[in-house]
Amino acid sequence: LEDNIVEALKTKKTFDSRNCANILWAFAKINRKSDQLFRLMDNQVISNIDAFNSQEIANTVWAYAKLGHLSPKLFDAISHEAIEKIDDFSSQGIANTVWAYAKLGYPSTKLFDAILQKAMEKLDGFKSQEIANTVWAYATVGYSSPELFDAVLDKAMEKLDDFNSQNIANTVW
């Protein structure tokens, strides 16, 4: 399967945003690292980035981060598009996006600024893991936001019974 996708990409076959996101997500889900595939997908994603919806954006950056494949050009393009579509992101999409940037050590101040505002608006709907991942991401990239951290502390106390030990550790980290 991987060889077929790589061959299609090499022969200039184009995949739509949904197919790109799904292929990348699937490879990450099965923990199949393919630098060649991801390098070829970089161009597919960048050339079609305006067609990506918020879930496809979040799934794409999650896949890159899960497999440790950093593509600065791609992450810059995604950052710009994510800011444009920030109102459409779910709480999981927000958490996965900032987690991916932090996991790869590639902070985008403009993206983190935009997501901060949206996270504050949607904090009531965040699950414990989403809270933990979001706070971990901001702390990991060194983005100081006392407003977010205070709001998260209040929300975490309300949802403390929903937190497992890993969520608690990530939140207080």
Protein backbone atom coordinates (compact mmCIF):
# COMPACT_ATOMS: atom_id res chain seq x y z
CA LEU A 1 0.00 0.00 0.00
CA GLU A 2 2.75 2.43 0.96
CA ASP A 3 4.56 1.80 -2.31
CA ASN A 4 1.37 2.45 -4.29
CA ILE A 5 0.75 5.76 -2.52
CA VAL A 6 4.37 6.84 -2.97
CA GLU A 7 4.24 5.91 -6.66
CA ALA A 8 1.00 7.86 -7.12
CA LEU A 9 2.56 10.90 -5.45
CA LYS A 10 5.67 10.63 -7.61
CA THR A 11 3.58 10.56 -10.77
CA LYS A 12 1.86 13.78 -9.72
CA LYS A 13 -1.43 12.22 -8.69
CA THR A 14 -3.21 14.64 -6.42
CA PHE A 15 -5.15 13.71 -3.34
CA ASP A 16 -7.85 15.92 -1.88
CA SER A 17 -7.59 17.25 1.66
CA ARG A 18 -9.63 14.44 3.17
CA ASN A 19 -7.52 11.76 1.50
CA CYS A 20 -4.27 13.47 2.53
CA ALA A 21 -5.36 13.75 6.15
CA ASN A 22 -6.70 10.19 6.25
CA ILE A 23 -3.56 8.67 4.71
CA LEU A 24 -1.30 10.52 7.14
CA TRP A 25 -3.54 9.73 10.10
CA ALA A 26 -3.65 6.02 9.18
CA PHE A 27 0.14 5.75 8.92
CA ALA A 28 0.52 7.46 12.30
CA LYS A 29 -2.20 5.33 13.89
CA ILE A 30 -0.35 2.13 12.96
CA ASN A 31 2.96 3.78 13.87
CA ARG A 32 4.33 3.34 10.33
CA LYS A 33 7.02 5.93 9.76
CA SER A 34 7.73 6.63 6.11
CA ASP A 35 9.92 9.67 5.60
CA GLN A 36 9.54 9.35 1.83
CA LEU A 37 5.74 9.32 2.00
CA PHE A 38 5.61 12.23 4.43
CA ARG A 39 8.04 14.31 2.35
CA LEU A 40 5.91 13.72 -0.75
CA MET A 41 2.73 14.51 1.20
CA ASP A 42 4.25 17.83 2.31
CA ASN A 43 3.69 19.24 -1.18
CA GLN A 44 0.19 17.76 -1.44
CA VAL A 45 -0.87 19.32 1.84
CA ILE A 46 0.75 22.69 1.17
CA SER A 47 -0.73 22.99 -2.31
CA ASN A 48 -4.23 22.12 -1.03
CA ILE A 49 -4.08 23.66 2.44
CA ASP A 50 -6.93 26.08 1.83
CA ALA A 51 -9.25 23.10 1.24
CA PHE A 52 -8.42 21.50 4.61
CA ASN A 53 -11.08 21.79 7.28
CA SER A 54 -10.20 22.12 10.96
CA GLN A 55 -10.35 18.37 11.66
CA GLU A 56 -8.13 17.59 8.66
CA ILE A 57 -5.64 20.21 9.85
CA ALA A 58 -5.59 18.77 13.39
CA ASN A 59 -5.31 15.18 12.14
CA THR A 60 -2.47 16.10 9.78
CA VAL A 61 -0.30 17.85 12.36
CA TRP A 62 -1.08 15.09 14.88
CA ALA A 63 0.17 12.47 12.40
CA TYR A 64 3.39 14.37 11.70
CA ALA A 65 4.05 14.81 15.42
CA LYS A 66 3.17 11.24 16.36
CA LEU A 67 5.78 9.96 13.92
CA GLY A 68 8.30 12.72 14.67
CA HIS A 69 8.34 14.14 11.15
CA LEU A 70 8.91 17.90 11.23
CA SER A 71 8.34 19.89 8.08
CA PRO A 72 8.78 23.61 8.86
CA LYS A 73 7.36 24.76 5.52
CA LEU A 74 4.27 22.60 6.01
CA PHE A 75 3.83 23.61 9.65
CA ASP A 76 4.07 27.30 8.68
CA ALA A 77 1.39 26.83 6.02
CA ILE A 78 -0.82 24.90 8.42
CA SER A 79 -0.36 27.52 11.12
CA HIS A 80 -1.59 30.25 8.80
CA GLU A 81 -4.60 28.19 7.68
CA ALA A 82 -5.45 27.07 11.21
CA ILE A 83 -5.60 30.69 12.34
CA GLU A 84 -8.00 31.45 9.48
CA LYS A 85 -10.25 28.54 10.52
CA ILE A 86 -9.80 28.74 14.30
CA ASP A 87 -13.52 29.25 14.93
CA ASP A 88 -14.22 25.80 13.44
CA PHE A 89 -11.87 23.86 15.72
CA SER A 90 -13.32 21.48 18.30
CA SER A 91 -11.75 21.21 21.73
CA GLN A 92 -10.01 18.00 20.59
CA GLY A 93 -8.75 19.75 17.45
CA ILE A 94 -7.37 22.60 19.54
CA ALA A 95 -5.62 20.23 21.95
CA ASN A 96 -4.21 18.00 19.20
CA THR A 97 -2.92 20.96 17.20
CA VAL A 98 -1.00 22.65 20.00
CA TRP A 99 0.20 19.24 21.23
CA ALA A 100 1.65 18.49 17.77
CA TYR A 101 3.51 21.79 17.52
CA ALA A 102 4.90 21.37 21.04
CA LYS A 103 5.81 17.70 20.54
CA LEU A 104 7.94 18.64 17.54
CA GLY A 105 9.38 21.69 19.30
CA TYR A 106 7.99 24.00 16.66
CA PRO A 107 6.09 26.79 18.38
CA SER A 108 4.10 29.23 16.31
CA THR A 109 3.42 32.29 18.43
CA LYS A 110 0.62 33.56 16.17
CA LEU A 111 -1.09 30.16 16.19
CA PHE A 112 -0.70 29.75 19.95
CA ASP A 113 -2.11 33.28 20.43
CA ALA A 114 -5.16 32.48 18.29
CA ILE A 115 -5.70 29.10 19.90
CA LEU A 116 -5.38 30.60 23.37
CA GLN A 117 -8.40 32.81 22.77
CA LYS A 118 -10.44 29.94 21.31
CA ALA A 119 -9.41 27.56 24.10
CA MET A 120 -10.55 30.07 26.70
CA GLU A 121 -13.94 30.34 24.98
CA LYS A 122 -14.39 26.56 24.73
CA LEU A 123 -12.79 25.48 28.00
CA ASP A 124 -16.09 24.29 29.47
CA GLY A 125 -16.29 21.66 26.73
CA PHE A 126 -12.74 20.35 27.12
CA LYS A 127 -12.32 16.79 28.37
CA SER A 128 -9.63 16.05 30.94
CA GLN A 129 -7.13 14.81 28.35
CA GLU A 130 -7.71 17.87 26.17
CA ILE A 131 -7.08 20.13 29.15
CA ALA A 132 -3.91 18.23 30.04
CA ASN A 133 -2.59 18.19 26.47
CA THR A 134 -3.28 21.89 25.93
CA VAL A 135 -1.60 22.99 29.15
CA TRP A 136 1.32 20.63 28.49
CA ALA A 137 1.78 22.12 25.00
CA TYR A 138 1.81 25.72 26.22
CA ALA A 139 4.21 24.87 29.03
CA THR A 140 6.46 22.84 26.73
CA VAL A 141 6.94 25.67 24.24
CA GLY A 142 7.42 28.16 27.08
CA TYR A 143 4.30 30.17 26.29
CA SER A 144 3.29 31.95 29.47
CA SER A 145 -0.40 32.55 29.90
CA PRO A 146 -1.47 33.04 33.50
CA GLU A 147 -5.03 33.63 32.28
CA LEU A 148 -5.16 30.20 30.60
CA PHE A 149 -3.42 28.42 33.45
CA ASP A 150 -5.74 29.96 36.07
CA ALA A 151 -8.83 29.05 34.01
CA VAL A 152 -7.50 25.51 33.49
CA LEU A 153 -6.83 25.12 37.20
CA ASP A 154 -10.42 26.07 37.98
CA LYS A 155 -11.76 23.74 35.28
CA ALA A 156 -9.45 20.91 36.34
CA MET A 157 -10.69 21.14 39.91
CA GLU A 158 -14.29 20.85 38.64
CA LYS A 159 -13.39 17.80 36.56
CA LEU A 160 -10.83 16.23 38.88
CA ASP A 161 -12.70 12.91 39.02
CA ASP A 162 -12.36 12.63 35.21
CA PHE A 163 -8.56 12.98 35.28
CA ASN A 164 -6.39 9.87 35.26
CA SER A 165 -2.91 9.95 36.75
CA GLN A 166 -1.29 10.83 33.39
CA ASN A 167 -3.72 13.75 32.86
CA ILE A 168 -2.94 15.07 36.32
CA ALA A 169 0.80 14.76 35.78
CA ASN A 170 0.64 16.52 32.41
CA THR A 171 -1.53 19.30 33.77
CA VAL A 172 0.69 20.11 36.73
CA TRP A 173 3.87 19.62 34.73
